[in-house]
Amino acid sequence: MSFEKYLWALIIGIPGSLFFSYLIYGTFAYSFYITLTDENIIGKNSFKIKVSEIRFKDIIEIFGKGKSFNIKIRDTHGKSMIMNTVIDNIEELLNTIISKAINCKRIDLRYIHNIRYSGITVYERGLQKKMGV
């Protein structure tokens, strides 16, 4: 009987601890505060510690991360920034980033545009159409 208690604790505890670890990681690694300068995007985490900095002219990709509302920005040097979209005025911020990212080849923000943020002006660029659909 006592073995079943431990078994259920493991079944519930392991997935719960993995999800909690993901939340802790996101708190430190994702950008919740964004500062725009003339040449750069500076991302800071929940504790307002600088996480990443990307130059506008080096941005090559802006896309939504799966079915979540996080946005990943990649540059030519392999650096990336993950922005959380709970930021105030995210539509205005994204429109500014997209307009300043002159070398951006791929934009895929269709999911967040269709579900929540319809004010994003350019939400897809450089996507290949599926054949036969």
C-alpha atoms as a PDB file:
ATOM      1  CA  MET A   1       0.000   0.000   0.000  1.00  0.00           C
ATOM      2  CA  SER A   2       2.774   2.468   0.854  1.00  0.00           C
ATOM      3  CA  PHE A   3       4.539   1.714  -2.444  1.00  0.00           C
ATOM      4  CA  GLU A   4       1.518   3.050  -4.353  1.00  0.00           C
ATOM      5  CA  LYS A   5       1.800   6.388  -2.539  1.00  0.00           C
ATOM      6  CA  TYR A   6       5.398   6.760  -3.650  1.00  0.00           C
ATOM      7  CA  LEU A   7       4.541   5.682  -7.174  1.00  0.00           C
ATOM      8  CA  TRP A   8       1.816   8.312  -7.457  1.00  0.00           C
ATOM      9  CA  ALA A   9       4.130  10.910  -5.956  1.00  0.00           C
ATOM     10  CA  LEU A  10       6.669  10.095  -8.685  1.00  0.00           C
ATOM     11  CA  ILE A  11       4.066  10.141 -11.443  1.00  0.00           C
ATOM     12  CA  ILE A  12       2.822  13.566 -10.392  1.00  0.00           C
ATOM     13  CA  GLY A  13       6.084  14.995  -9.056  1.00  0.00           C
ATOM     14  CA  ILE A  14       8.417  14.441 -12.013  1.00  0.00           C
ATOM     15  CA  PRO A  15       6.311  16.250 -14.668  1.00  0.00           C
ATOM     16  CA  GLY A  16       5.519  18.983 -12.154  1.00  0.00           C
ATOM     17  CA  SER A  17       9.182  19.549 -11.351  1.00  0.00           C
ATOM     18  CA  LEU A  18      10.077  19.634 -15.071  1.00  0.00           C
ATOM     19  CA  PHE A  19       7.401  22.268 -15.734  1.00  0.00           C
ATOM     20  CA  PHE A  20       8.536  24.279 -12.719  1.00  0.00           C
ATOM     21  CA  SER A  21      12.142  24.121 -14.010  1.00  0.00           C
ATOM     22  CA  TYR A  22      10.949  25.505 -17.357  1.00  0.00           C
ATOM     23  CA  LEU A  23       9.255  28.425 -15.565  1.00  0.00           C
ATOM     24  CA  ILE A  24      12.437  29.173 -13.617  1.00  0.00           C
ATOM     25  CA  TYR A  25      14.473  29.044 -16.861  1.00  0.00           C
ATOM     26  CA  GLY A  26      12.047  31.403 -18.592  1.00  0.00           C
ATOM     27  CA  THR A  27      12.275  33.890 -15.739  1.00  0.00           C
ATOM     28  CA  PHE A  28      16.025  34.234 -16.243  1.00  0.00           C
ATOM     29  CA  ALA A  29      16.402  33.664 -20.019  1.00  0.00           C
ATOM     30  CA  TYR A  30      13.410  35.409 -21.633  1.00  0.00           C
ATOM     31  CA  SER A  31      13.236  39.151 -22.223  1.00  0.00           C
ATOM     32  CA  PHE A  32      10.366  40.802 -20.385  1.00  0.00           C
ATOM     33  CA  TYR A  33      11.720  44.363 -20.648  1.00  0.00           C
ATOM     34  CA  ILE A  34      12.776  45.677 -24.057  1.00  0.00           C
ATOM     35  CA  THR A  35      14.734  48.856 -24.689  1.00  0.00           C
ATOM     36  CA  LEU A  36      15.139  50.182 -28.221  1.00  0.00           C
ATOM     37  CA  THR A  37      18.069  52.381 -29.123  1.00  0.00           C
ATOM     38  CA  ASP A  38      18.904  53.784 -32.565  1.00  0.00           C
ATOM     39  CA  GLU A  39      20.877  50.660 -33.493  1.00  0.00           C
ATOM     40  CA  ASN A  40      20.056  47.923 -30.950  1.00  0.00           C
ATOM     41  CA  ILE A  41      17.381  45.973 -29.138  1.00  0.00           C
ATOM     42  CA  ILE A  42      18.290  45.335 -25.520  1.00  0.00           C
ATOM     43  CA  GLY A  43      16.369  42.612 -23.690  1.00  0.00           C
ATOM     44  CA  LYS A  44      16.222  42.321 -19.910  1.00  0.00           C
ATOM     45  CA  ASN A  45      14.763  39.488 -17.850  1.00  0.00           C
ATOM     46  CA  SER A  46      12.263  39.700 -14.982  1.00  0.00           C
ATOM     47  CA  PHE A  47      14.971  40.991 -12.647  1.00  0.00           C
ATOM     48  CA  LYS A  48      15.934  43.715 -15.178  1.00  0.00           C
ATOM     49  CA  ILE A  49      19.287  42.057 -15.853  1.00  0.00           C
ATOM     50  CA  LYS A  50      20.498  42.342 -19.436  1.00  0.00           C
ATOM     51  CA  VAL A  51      19.958  39.018 -21.216  1.00  0.00           C
ATOM     52  CA  SER A  52      20.720  39.861 -24.833  1.00  0.00           C
ATOM     53  CA  GLU A  53      21.418  42.643 -27.285  1.00  0.00           C
ATOM     54  CA  ILE A  54      20.871  42.480 -31.039  1.00  0.00           C
ATOM     55  CA  ARG A  55      21.587  45.077 -33.711  1.00  0.00           C
ATOM     56  CA  PHE A  56      18.698  45.947 -36.030  1.00  0.00           C
ATOM     57  CA  LYS A  57      20.751  45.551 -39.195  1.00  0.00           C
ATOM     58  CA  ASP A  58      21.871  42.024 -38.149  1.00  0.00           C
ATOM     59  CA  ILE A  59      18.350  40.608 -37.646  1.00  0.00           C
ATOM     60  CA  ILE A  60      17.554  37.846 -40.144  1.00  0.00           C
ATOM     61  CA  GLU A  61      14.546  36.101 -38.539  1.00  0.00           C
ATOM     62  CA  ILE A  62      11.584  37.065 -36.378  1.00  0.00           C
ATOM     63  CA  PHE A  63       9.145  34.285 -35.592  1.00  0.00           C
ATOM     64  CA  GLY A  64       6.709  33.002 -33.021  1.00  0.00           C
ATOM     65  CA  LYS A  65       7.913  30.096 -30.921  1.00  0.00           C
ATOM     66  CA  GLY A  66       5.352  27.371 -31.595  1.00  0.00           C
ATOM     67  CA  LYS A  67       1.889  27.851 -30.166  1.00  0.00           C
ATOM     68  CA  SER A  68       3.093  30.111 -27.367  1.00  0.00           C
ATOM     69  CA  PHE A  69       3.124  33.877 -27.412  1.00  0.00           C
ATOM     70  CA  ASN A  70       6.910  34.111 -27.230  1.00  0.00           C
ATOM     71  CA  ILE A  71       8.809  35.663 -30.126  1.00  0.00           C
ATOM     72  CA  LYS A  72      12.310  34.628 -31.134  1.00  0.00           C
ATOM     73  CA  ILE A  73      14.631  37.046 -32.926  1.00  0.00           C
ATOM     74  CA  ARG A  74      17.800  35.703 -34.568  1.00  0.00           C
ATOM     75  CA  ASP A  75      20.731  37.595 -36.028  1.00  0.00           C
ATOM     76  CA  THR A  76      23.507  36.821 -38.499  1.00  0.00           C
ATOM     77  CA  HIS A  77      25.990  35.960 -35.713  1.00  0.00           C
ATOM     78  CA  GLY A  78      23.839  33.143 -34.302  1.00  0.00           C
ATOM     79  CA  LYS A  79      22.664  35.122 -31.276  1.00  0.00           C
ATOM     80  CA  SER A  80      18.996  35.001 -30.406  1.00  0.00           C
ATOM     81  CA  MET A  81      16.566  36.779 -28.130  1.00  0.00           C
ATOM     82  CA  ILE A  82      13.269  35.391 -26.871  1.00  0.00           C
ATOM     83  CA  MET A  83      10.731  38.121 -26.144  1.00  0.00           C
ATOM     84  CA  ASN A  84       7.688  37.520 -24.029  1.00  0.00           C
ATOM     85  CA  THR A  85       4.604  39.222 -25.474  1.00  0.00           C
ATOM     86  CA  VAL A  86       3.157  40.342 -22.144  1.00  0.00           C
ATOM     87  CA  ILE A  87       5.125  43.557 -22.688  1.00  0.00           C
ATOM     88  CA  ASP A  88       3.086  46.758 -22.816  1.00  0.00           C
ATOM     89  CA  ASN A  89       2.489  48.098 -26.345  1.00  0.00           C
ATOM     90  CA  ILE A  90       3.877  44.935 -27.957  1.00  0.00           C
ATOM     91  CA  GLU A  91       2.187  45.675 -31.295  1.00  0.00           C
ATOM     92  CA  GLU A  92       3.867  49.082 -31.568  1.00  0.00           C
ATOM     93  CA  LEU A  93       7.173  47.585 -30.432  1.00  0.00           C
ATOM     94  CA  LEU A  94       7.046  44.785 -33.020  1.00  0.00           C
ATOM     95  CA  ASN A  95       6.086  47.192 -35.807  1.00  0.00           C
ATOM     96  CA  THR A  96       9.096  49.358 -34.902  1.00  0.00           C
ATOM     97  CA  ILE A  97      11.462  46.364 -34.791  1.00  0.00           C
ATOM     98  CA  ILE A  98      10.201  45.023 -38.126  1.00  0.00           C
ATOM     99  CA  SER A  99      10.518  48.406 -39.825  1.00  0.00           C
ATOM    100  CA  LYS A 100      14.103  48.875 -38.569  1.00  0.00           C
ATOM    101  CA  ALA A 101      15.206  45.306 -39.382  1.00  0.00           C
ATOM    102  CA  ILE A 102      16.058  46.031 -43.012  1.00  0.00           C
ATOM    103  CA  ASN A 103      17.951  42.757 -43.601  1.00  0.00           C
ATOM    104  CA  CYS A 104      15.263  40.506 -42.114  1.00  0.00           C
ATOM    105  CA  LYS A 105      14.550  37.647 -44.517  1.00  0.00           C
ATOM    106  CA  ARG A 106      11.897  35.717 -42.609  1.00  0.00           C
ATOM    107  CA  ILE A 107       9.011  36.884 -40.454  1.00  0.00           C
ATOM    108  CA  ASP A 108       6.414  34.423 -39.186  1.00  0.00           C
ATOM    109  CA  LEU A 109       4.059  35.978 -36.658  1.00  0.00           C
ATOM    110  CA  ARG A 110       0.865  34.532 -38.126  1.00  0.00           C
ATOM    111  CA  TYR A 111      -0.192  32.699 -34.979  1.00  0.00           C
ATOM    112  CA  ILE A 112      -0.011  35.659 -32.609  1.00  0.00           C
ATOM    113  CA  HIS A 113      -1.437  37.983 -35.290  1.00  0.00           C
ATOM    114  CA  ASN A 114      -4.508  35.796 -35.810  1.00  0.00           C
ATOM    115  CA  ILE A 115      -5.134  34.994 -32.137  1.00  0.00           C
ATOM    116  CA  ARG A 116      -4.291  38.105 -30.141  1.00  0.00           C
ATOM    117  CA  TYR A 117      -2.339  40.933 -31.800  1.00  0.00           C
ATOM    118  CA  SER A 118      -4.060  42.002 -35.007  1.00  0.00           C
ATOM    119  CA  GLY A 119      -2.301  45.394 -35.025  1.00  0.00           C
ATOM    120  CA  ILE A 120       0.990  43.936 -36.297  1.00  0.00           C
ATOM    121  CA  THR A 121       1.318  45.325 -39.818  1.00  0.00           C
ATOM    122  CA  VAL A 122       3.871  42.898 -41.317  1.00  0.00           C
ATOM    123  CA  TYR A 123       3.372  39.456 -39.835  1.00  0.00           C
ATOM    124  CA  GLU A 124       4.743  37.187 -42.574  1.00  0.00           C
ATOM    125  CA  ARG A 125       7.611  37.498 -45.018  1.00  0.00           C
ATOM    126  CA  GLY A 126       9.821  34.987 -46.770  1.00  0.00           C
ATOM    127  CA  LEU A 127       7.608  31.974 -46.064  1.00  0.00           C
ATOM    128  CA  GLN A 128       7.356  29.208 -48.622  1.00  0.00           C
ATOM    129  CA  LYS A 129       3.864  28.185 -49.654  1.00  0.00           C
ATOM    130  CA  LYS A 130       2.899  24.516 -49.330  1.00  0.00           C
ATOM    131  CA  MET A 131       2.457  22.746 -52.647  1.00  0.00           C
ATOM    132  CA  GLY A 132      -0.891  21.083 -53.399  1.00  0.00           C
ATOM    133  CA  VAL A 133      -2.806  22.809 -50.619  1.00  0.00           C
END
